């Protein structure tokens, strides 16, 4: 498996983990005052999603530079 596919797969699983932690947070809030562990549990997947998302965002721009192609009008 190449590196880009691995990052995309990690990003997908992190999004599932983030969604589960947010849902658990809402359920805990509905039941009363939740512990701090539940309140802050969405943050680690969110930060990892930030980094993997930024990596995937930059990929097309770096691929153009590596292939030697330039955007239209900037030759």
Protein backbone atom coordinates (compact mmCIF):
# COMPACT_ATOMS: atom_id res chain seq x y z
CA UNK A 1 0.00 0.00 0.00
CA UNK A 2 1.48 3.34 -0.91
CA UNK A 3 1.81 6.28 1.50
CA UNK A 4 -1.05 8.39 0.05
CA UNK A 5 -3.53 5.51 0.28
CA UNK A 6 -2.46 4.85 3.87
CA UNK A 7 -3.01 8.50 4.84
CA UNK A 8 -6.47 8.46 3.23
CA UNK A 9 -7.38 5.27 5.11
CA UNK A 10 -6.13 6.73 8.40
CA UNK A 11 -8.16 9.88 7.70
CA UNK A 12 -11.31 7.81 7.14
CA UNK A 13 -10.88 5.85 10.38
CA UNK A 14 -10.09 9.03 12.31
CA UNK A 15 -13.30 10.61 11.02
CA UNK A 16 -15.25 7.62 12.33
CA UNK A 17 -13.52 7.87 15.71
CA UNK A 18 -14.19 11.61 15.85
CA UNK A 19 -17.87 11.12 15.03
CA UNK A 20 -18.24 8.45 17.72
CA UNK A 21 -16.60 10.65 20.35
CA UNK A 22 -18.82 13.61 19.45
CA UNK A 23 -21.96 11.45 19.67
CA UNK A 24 -20.77 10.08 23.03
CA UNK A 25 -20.20 13.64 24.18
CA UNK A 26 -23.77 14.65 23.30
CA UNK A 27 -25.19 11.57 25.03
CA UNK A 28 -23.13 12.27 28.14
CA UNK A 29 -24.24 15.91 28.15
CA UNK A 30 -27.88 14.83 27.95
CA UNK A 31 -27.44 12.56 30.96
CA UNK A 32 -25.92 15.24 33.17
CA UNK A 33 -22.53 16.77 33.79
CA UNK A 34 -20.01 14.61 31.88
CA UNK A 35 -16.48 13.95 33.13
CA UNK A 36 -13.63 15.90 31.55
CA UNK A 37 -12.38 12.76 29.79
CA UNK A 38 -15.60 12.59 27.76
CA UNK A 39 -15.68 16.32 27.08
CA UNK A 40 -12.14 16.44 25.69
CA UNK A 41 -12.16 13.05 23.96
CA UNK A 42 -12.96 14.48 20.47
CA UNK A 43 -9.84 16.64 20.46
CA UNK A 44 -7.10 14.05 19.69
CA UNK A 45 -8.88 12.66 16.59
CA UNK A 46 -9.71 16.22 15.53
CA UNK A 47 -6.06 17.30 15.61
CA UNK A 48 -4.98 14.20 13.72
CA UNK A 49 -7.74 14.87 11.16
CA UNK A 50 -6.32 18.36 10.76
CA UNK A 51 -2.87 17.06 9.87
CA UNK A 52 -4.04 14.30 7.54
CA UNK A 53 -6.51 16.67 5.89
CA UNK A 54 -3.85 19.31 5.31
CA UNK A 55 -1.55 16.66 3.86
CA UNK A 56 -4.23 15.54 1.41
CA UNK A 57 -5.05 19.17 0.57
CA UNK A 58 -1.44 19.91 -0.40
CA UNK A 59 -0.95 16.67 -2.38
CA UNK A 60 -2.27 17.92 -5.76
CA UNK A 61 -0.09 21.02 -5.63
CA UNK A 62 3.07 19.10 -4.84
CA UNK A 63 2.29 16.50 -7.50
CA UNK A 64 2.14 19.23 -10.16
CA UNK A 65 5.50 20.57 -9.07
CA UNK A 66 7.10 17.12 -9.09
CA UNK A 67 5.79 16.36 -12.58
CA UNK A 68 7.18 19.62 -13.92
CA UNK A 69 3.80 20.91 -15.02
CA UNK A 70 2.82 24.48 -14.27
CA UNK A 71 -0.67 25.93 -13.84
CA UNK A 72 -2.15 27.54 -16.96
CA UNK A 73 -0.94 31.10 -17.45
CA UNK A 74 2.17 30.75 -15.28
CA UNK A 75 4.69 29.39 -17.75
